[in-house]
Amino acid sequence: MTRRLPLFLLFLVTLFSCAGKQDSSLTQKIRGEGNRSLILTAGPEEVWVGVPFSLSLDMKGEKDDDVLFPKIDQEFLPEGLILKSFKADDNRLTLSVTAEKSGDFTIPPISVLFDNGGDSVELLTRPVDFSVVSLLDGEDQTMADISPSLRIGFMTLPWVLGLSGGALAAVLIAAWLIMRYRRKHNVPPEPVWVGLERDRDALSRDNSLMEGDMGRFYDLSTSLVRRALDGVYGESTGEKTREEFIGSLLTSSQYASEVKAWFVRFFERADLVRFARMAIEKDTIVRDLDETLRFTGQAVEEAKRKEEEEP
């Protein structure tokens, strides 16, 4: 029975991956004189409210051409679309937009001028049409914006199912292989401080703050703080309501009063950002990052000390 488990999980991967292949994209190829051309790739043709629609435009000209194109800003887009990101270099531009509500939207044509000092050629993309649907049924479908530069990968429902199913099956296979290896080789579990150090380093290098993704930052930072409280200080955060959790922190003698005060403000801000979509000042978020790294750094040292004291 045990030997058949990987085959069953492999079947799940294949099944959900096939579902994900139903996703589609929009492609345009515009050719001009000589080697001048535009290749526009956009998609998917249907997205959810708040999930980005991405567009990339590759521009190929002659050797001596200067490639000129308009700056894409919020005014370039029709009403109802929000520009999330725009990047451009000599040969490629990319942009990502989200819709505030469901409906059909059109991104206007983009004009590109190839100029070599006397001979200019203009190429124009065709309008890009896509649809936006909402998971809400008969309710307010308008989505508030919390940041001018949030970026999320675009996906449709079949693609989500394929990705989620494939990821779940991969996790189950990995967990099964790890358990089997540990039983065979008697490998001890990873010390708490090793995982905390690894995730502290990942948080310090994460680009969430630079990209304005406050929700992702608070997901990562609160998860790290909770694991430090669980693994090092024995708080059992997953077994308590939010009120019980905060109450146990405030009554604990393991933390200084200023740390307790930060706990309350930190977890309250995290809930406001993640669930109420409230915008927080950048300076406040930077302070939360510093405090998260400081507290979890102390937790790492405490975990090492406890490990050394064990017989």
Protein backbone atom coordinates (compact mmCIF):
# COMPACT_ATOMS: atom_id res chain seq x y z
CA MET A 1 0.00 0.00 0.00
CA THR A 2 2.83 2.41 0.90
CA ARG A 3 4.56 1.91 -2.45
CA ARG A 4 1.39 2.91 -4.31
CA LEU A 5 1.13 6.31 -2.57
CA PRO A 6 3.54 8.24 -4.87
CA LEU A 7 1.72 6.89 -7.97
CA PHE A 8 -1.60 8.14 -6.61
CA LEU A 9 -0.14 11.57 -5.85
CA LEU A 10 1.44 11.71 -9.30
CA PHE A 11 -2.04 11.08 -10.74
CA LEU A 12 -3.34 14.07 -8.77
CA VAL A 13 -0.56 16.28 -10.15
CA THR A 14 -1.41 15.27 -13.72
CA LEU A 15 -5.15 15.75 -13.19
CA PHE A 16 -4.91 19.25 -11.78
CA SER A 17 -2.19 20.31 -14.19
CA CYS A 18 -4.47 19.44 -17.09
CA ALA A 19 -7.12 21.70 -15.58
CA GLY A 20 -4.61 24.54 -15.44
CA LYS A 21 -3.87 24.30 -19.16
CA GLN A 22 -7.25 25.80 -19.97
CA ASP A 23 -5.82 29.29 -19.33
CA SER A 24 -5.45 31.51 -22.39
CA SER A 25 -3.60 34.64 -23.45
CA LEU A 26 -3.77 37.27 -26.17
CA THR A 27 -0.93 37.64 -28.67
CA GLN A 28 -0.37 40.16 -31.44
CA LYS A 29 2.43 40.21 -34.02
CA ILE A 30 2.83 43.46 -35.95
CA ARG A 31 5.48 43.64 -38.66
CA GLY A 32 6.87 46.79 -40.33
CA GLU A 33 9.57 47.59 -42.84
CA GLY A 34 12.77 45.56 -42.64
CA ASN A 35 13.27 43.83 -39.32
CA ARG A 36 11.00 46.16 -37.38
CA SER A 37 8.27 44.37 -35.48
CA LEU A 38 6.14 44.33 -32.32
CA ILE A 39 5.12 41.25 -30.37
CA LEU A 40 2.44 41.90 -27.76
CA THR A 41 1.53 39.24 -25.22
CA ALA A 42 -1.30 39.80 -22.77
CA GLY A 43 -3.60 37.76 -20.67
CA PRO A 44 -5.55 36.06 -19.50
CA GLU A 45 -8.66 36.98 -21.46
CA GLU A 46 -10.77 36.69 -18.29
CA VAL A 47 -9.63 37.63 -14.75
CA TRP A 48 -11.23 38.28 -11.37
CA VAL A 49 -11.84 41.68 -9.83
CA GLY A 50 -8.60 42.77 -8.16
CA VAL A 51 -6.45 40.18 -9.95
CA PRO A 52 -3.96 41.79 -12.38
CA PHE A 53 -4.13 41.59 -16.14
CA SER A 54 -0.58 41.67 -17.57
CA LEU A 55 0.70 42.98 -20.88
CA SER A 56 4.21 42.85 -22.36
CA LEU A 57 5.38 44.42 -25.61
CA ASP A 58 8.64 43.35 -27.26
CA MET A 59 9.95 45.91 -29.78
CA LYS A 60 12.48 44.90 -32.41
CA GLY A 61 14.03 47.46 -34.74
CA GLU A 62 16.97 47.92 -37.07
CA LYS A 63 20.49 48.18 -35.69
CA ASP A 64 20.61 52.01 -35.65
CA ASP A 65 16.99 52.62 -34.66
CA ASP A 66 15.96 54.65 -31.65
CA VAL A 67 12.79 53.10 -30.24
CA LEU A 68 10.33 55.69 -28.92
CA PHE A 69 7.07 54.94 -27.14
CA PRO A 70 4.68 56.89 -24.89
CA LYS A 71 4.88 56.73 -21.13
CA ILE A 72 2.08 54.54 -19.82
CA ASP A 73 0.38 56.17 -16.83
CA GLN A 74 -3.04 56.10 -15.19
CA GLU A 75 -4.48 58.58 -17.73
CA PHE A 76 -3.68 56.15 -20.56
CA LEU A 77 -6.13 53.59 -19.18
CA PRO A 78 -9.93 53.66 -19.41
CA GLU A 79 -12.04 54.37 -16.35
CA GLY A 80 -12.29 51.40 -14.01
CA LEU A 81 -8.72 50.13 -14.52
CA ILE A 82 -5.88 50.80 -12.07
CA LEU A 83 -2.25 50.78 -13.20
CA LYS A 84 -0.31 48.58 -10.78
CA SER A 85 3.12 48.54 -12.40
CA PHE A 86 4.93 49.77 -15.50
CA LYS A 87 8.48 48.93 -16.58
CA ALA A 88 10.26 49.86 -19.79
CA ASP A 89 13.68 49.52 -21.39
CA ASP A 90 15.02 49.87 -24.94
CA ASN A 91 13.34 46.75 -26.27
CA ARG A 92 10.53 45.78 -23.93
CA LEU A 93 7.79 47.30 -21.84
CA THR A 94 5.51 45.56 -19.38
CA LEU A 95 2.49 46.75 -17.45
CA SER A 96 0.00 45.27 -15.03
CA VAL A 97 -3.51 46.57 -14.35
CA THR A 98 -6.43 45.57 -12.15
CA ALA A 99 -10.12 46.40 -12.44
CA GLU A 100 -12.17 47.89 -9.62
CA LYS A 101 -15.32 46.12 -10.78
CA SER A 102 -16.47 43.48 -13.23
CA GLY A 103 -17.11 44.17 -16.92
CA ASP A 104 -15.42 44.28 -20.32
CA PHE A 105 -12.35 46.50 -20.67
CA THR A 106 -10.11 47.62 -23.53
CA ILE A 107 -6.48 48.73 -23.29
CA PRO A 108 -5.93 51.34 -26.03
CA PRO A 109 -3.43 50.84 -28.88
CA ILE A 110 0.23 51.57 -28.09
CA SER A 111 2.22 53.57 -30.64
CA VAL A 112 5.90 52.73 -31.16
CA LEU A 113 8.18 54.88 -33.35
CA PHE A 114 11.37 53.47 -34.87
CA ASP A 115 13.68 56.39 -35.81
CA ASN A 116 17.16 56.11 -37.30
CA GLY A 117 17.77 59.81 -37.93
CA GLY A 118 15.76 60.34 -41.06
CA ASP A 119 13.69 57.29 -41.76
CA SER A 120 10.92 56.90 -39.18
CA VAL A 121 8.45 54.07 -39.04
CA GLU A 122 5.46 53.98 -36.69
CA LEU A 123 3.88 50.69 -35.65
CA LEU A 124 0.66 50.52 -33.67
CA THR A 125 -0.70 47.65 -31.61
CA ARG A 126 -4.35 46.71 -31.80
CA PRO A 127 -6.68 47.36 -28.84
CA VAL A 128 -6.54 44.63 -26.21
CA ASP A 129 -9.92 43.42 -24.92
CA PHE A 130 -10.43 41.38 -21.77
CA SER A 131 -13.20 40.61 -19.30
CA VAL A 132 -13.28 40.93 -15.53
CA VAL A 133 -15.60 38.80 -13.40
CA SER A 134 -16.36 38.95 -9.69
CA LEU A 135 -16.64 36.21 -7.11
CA LEU A 136 -19.32 38.33 -5.42
CA ASP A 137 -22.91 37.52 -6.42
CA GLY A 138 -25.26 40.49 -6.32
CA GLU A 139 -23.14 42.37 -3.78
CA ASP A 140 -20.93 45.43 -4.06
CA GLN A 141 -18.26 44.47 -6.57
CA THR A 142 -16.09 47.56 -6.16
CA MET A 143 -12.67 46.79 -4.71
CA ALA A 144 -10.72 49.40 -2.71
CA ASP A 145 -7.12 50.05 -3.67
CA ILE A 146 -4.60 49.99 -0.79
CA SER A 147 -1.41 50.74 -2.72
CA PRO A 148 -0.35 52.22 -6.08
CA SER A 149 2.12 49.49 -6.79
CA LEU A 150 0.75 46.13 -5.68
CA ARG A 151 1.77 43.29 -8.00
CA ILE A 152 0.24 39.81 -8.08
CA GLY A 153 0.50 37.09 -10.69
CA PHE A 154 -2.58 36.87 -12.94
CA MET A 155 -4.66 33.69 -13.08
CA THR A 156 -8.06 32.33 -13.97
CA LEU A 157 -10.11 29.73 -12.09
CA PRO A 158 -8.84 26.66 -13.99
CA TRP A 159 -5.27 27.90 -13.59
CA VAL A 160 -5.81 28.36 -9.84
CA LEU A 161 -7.19 24.85 -9.54
CA GLY A 162 -4.29 23.41 -11.50
CA LEU A 163 -1.68 25.29 -9.48
CA SER A 164 -3.32 24.54 -6.13
CA GLY A 165 -3.77 20.85 -6.91
CA GLY A 166 -0.25 20.48 -8.22
CA ALA A 167 1.22 22.30 -5.22
CA LEU A 168 -0.80 20.20 -2.77
CA ALA A 169 0.29 16.97 -4.40
CA ALA A 170 3.92 18.14 -4.47
CA VAL A 171 3.77 18.99 -0.75
CA LEU A 172 2.27 15.58 0.09
CA ILE A 173 4.93 13.78 -1.95
CA ALA A 174 7.72 15.81 -0.32
CA ALA A 175 6.32 15.19 3.18
CA TRP A 176 6.01 11.47 2.51
CA LEU A 177 9.58 11.25 1.20
CA ILE A 178 10.97 13.24 4.14
CA MET A 179 9.15 11.07 6.68
CA ARG A 180 10.34 7.92 4.97
CA TYR A 181 13.94 9.18 4.88
CA ARG A 182 13.88 10.17 8.54
CA ARG A 183 12.45 6.83 9.62
CA LYS A 184 15.12 5.03 7.63
CA HIS A 185 18.07 7.16 8.71
CA ASN A 186 16.80 8.31 12.11
CA VAL A 187 17.31 12.00 11.24
CA PRO A 188 16.48 14.32 14.17
CA PRO A 189 13.98 17.14 13.55
CA GLU A 190 15.31 20.57 12.58
CA PRO A 191 15.97 22.82 15.59
CA VAL A 192 13.51 25.70 15.98
CA TRP A 193 16.19 28.37 15.71
CA VAL A 194 17.41 27.05 12.33
CA GLY A 195 14.01 27.64 10.70
CA LEU A 196 13.65 31.03 12.40
CA GLU A 197 17.05 32.20 11.16
CA ARG A 198 16.26 31.04 7.64
CA ASP A 199 12.89 32.83 7.58
CA ARG A 200 14.31 36.01 9.21
CA ASP A 201 16.83 36.18 6.39
CA ALA A 202 14.07 35.63 3.81
CA LEU A 203 11.96 38.42 5.35
CA SER A 204 14.87 40.87 5.36
CA ARG A 205 15.47 40.18 1.65
CA ASP A 206 11.80 40.18 0.61
CA ASN A 207 10.72 42.97 -1.76
CA SER A 208 7.22 43.43 -0.35
CA LEU A 209 7.94 46.89 1.06
CA MET A 210 9.65 48.10 -2.11
CA GLU A 211 6.69 46.89 -4.18
CA GLY A 212 4.10 48.34 -1.81
CA ASP A 213 2.61 44.92 -1.04
CA MET A 214 1.68 45.56 2.59
CA GLY A 215 -0.54 42.50 2.80
CA ARG A 216 2.30 40.14 1.88
CA PHE A 217 4.66 41.87 4.32
CA TYR A 218 2.27 41.41 7.25
CA ASP A 219 1.54 37.81 6.23
CA LEU A 220 5.26 37.00 6.38
CA SER A 221 6.10 39.03 9.49
CA THR A 222 3.15 37.89 11.64
CA SER A 223 3.79 34.27 10.68
CA LEU A 224 7.44 34.64 11.72
CA VAL A 225 6.58 36.27 15.06
CA ARG A 226 3.91 33.66 15.84
CA ARG A 227 6.34 30.80 15.13
CA ALA A 228 8.88 32.40 17.44
CA LEU A 229 6.23 32.71 20.17
CA ASP A 230 5.12 29.10 19.63
CA GLY A 231 8.47 27.39 19.20
CA VAL A 232 10.59 29.33 21.69
CA TYR A 233 8.23 30.75 24.29
CA GLY A 234 5.47 28.10 24.19
CA GLU A 235 2.51 30.41 23.56
CA SER A 236 0.44 27.90 21.46
CA THR A 237 -0.94 30.75 19.32
CA GLY A 238 -2.90 28.46 16.99
CA GLU A 239 -5.08 27.15 19.82
CA LYS A 240 -6.33 30.57 21.00
CA THR A 241 -8.69 33.24 19.75
CA ARG A 242 -7.18 36.62 18.95
CA GLU A 243 -8.39 38.04 22.27
CA GLU A 244 -7.01 35.08 24.23
CA PHE A 245 -3.74 35.27 22.32
CA ILE A 246 -3.20 39.00 22.99
CA GLY A 247 -4.33 38.57 26.60
CA SER A 248 -1.78 35.82 27.23
CA LEU A 249 1.00 38.00 25.81
CA LEU A 250 0.04 40.95 28.02
CA THR A 251 -0.05 38.83 31.19
CA SER A 252 3.15 36.92 30.44
CA SER A 253 6.29 37.72 32.42
CA GLN A 254 8.57 36.64 29.53
CA TYR A 255 8.39 39.98 27.68
CA ALA A 256 9.24 43.58 28.53
CA SER A 257 6.39 46.10 28.70
CA GLU A 258 7.49 47.88 25.50
CA VAL A 259 7.53 44.55 23.65
CA LYS A 260 3.98 43.78 24.87
CA ALA A 261 2.81 47.19 23.65
CA TRP A 262 4.38 46.54 20.24
CA PHE A 263 2.68 43.11 20.05
CA VAL A 264 -0.75 44.75 20.43
CA ARG A 265 -0.13 47.47 17.83
CA PHE A 266 1.65 45.11 15.42
CA PHE A 267 -1.07 42.43 15.27
CA GLU A 268 -3.82 45.09 15.13
CA ARG A 269 -2.13 46.80 12.14
CA ALA A 270 -1.66 43.45 10.43
CA ASP A 271 -5.39 42.67 10.71
CA LEU A 272 -6.35 46.12 9.42
CA VAL A 273 -4.12 45.75 6.36
CA ARG A 274 -4.97 42.14 5.52
CA PHE A 275 -8.70 42.14 6.24
CA ALA A 276 -9.87 45.79 6.17
CA ARG A 277 -7.46 46.78 3.36
CA MET A 278 -6.35 49.84 5.31
CA ALA A 279 -3.24 51.71 4.15
CA ILE A 280 -0.42 52.14 6.69
CA GLU A 281 2.36 54.74 6.51
CA LYS A 282 5.62 53.37 5.16
CA ASP A 283 7.64 54.60 8.17
CA THR A 284 5.37 52.59 10.47
CA ILE A 285 5.81 49.44 8.37
CA VAL A 286 9.60 49.89 8.38
CA ARG A 287 9.52 50.11 12.18
CA ASP A 288 7.44 46.91 12.29
CA LEU A 289 10.06 45.21 10.12
CA ASP A 290 12.86 46.34 12.45
CA GLU A 291 10.95 45.20 15.54
CA THR A 292 10.09 41.84 13.93
CA LEU A 293 13.74 41.16 13.13
CA ARG A 294 14.85 42.33 16.58
CA PHE A 295 12.32 40.19 18.49
CA THR A 296 12.86 37.06 16.39
CA GLY A 297 16.63 37.57 16.64
CA GLN A 298 16.28 37.45 20.43
CA ALA A 299 14.10 34.35 20.05
CA VAL A 300 16.84 32.64 18.01
CA GLU A 301 19.40 33.32 20.74
CA GLU A 302 16.98 32.09 23.42
CA ALA A 303 16.31 28.89 21.47
CA LYS A 304 20.07 28.25 21.11
CA ARG A 305 20.53 28.79 24.84
CA LYS A 306 17.75 26.31 25.69
CA GLU A 307 19.23 23.78 23.27
CA GLU A 308 22.66 24.03 24.94
CA GLU A 309 21.10 23.52 28.37
CA GLU A 310 19.34 20.32 27.34
CA PRO A 311 21.11 17.16 28.51
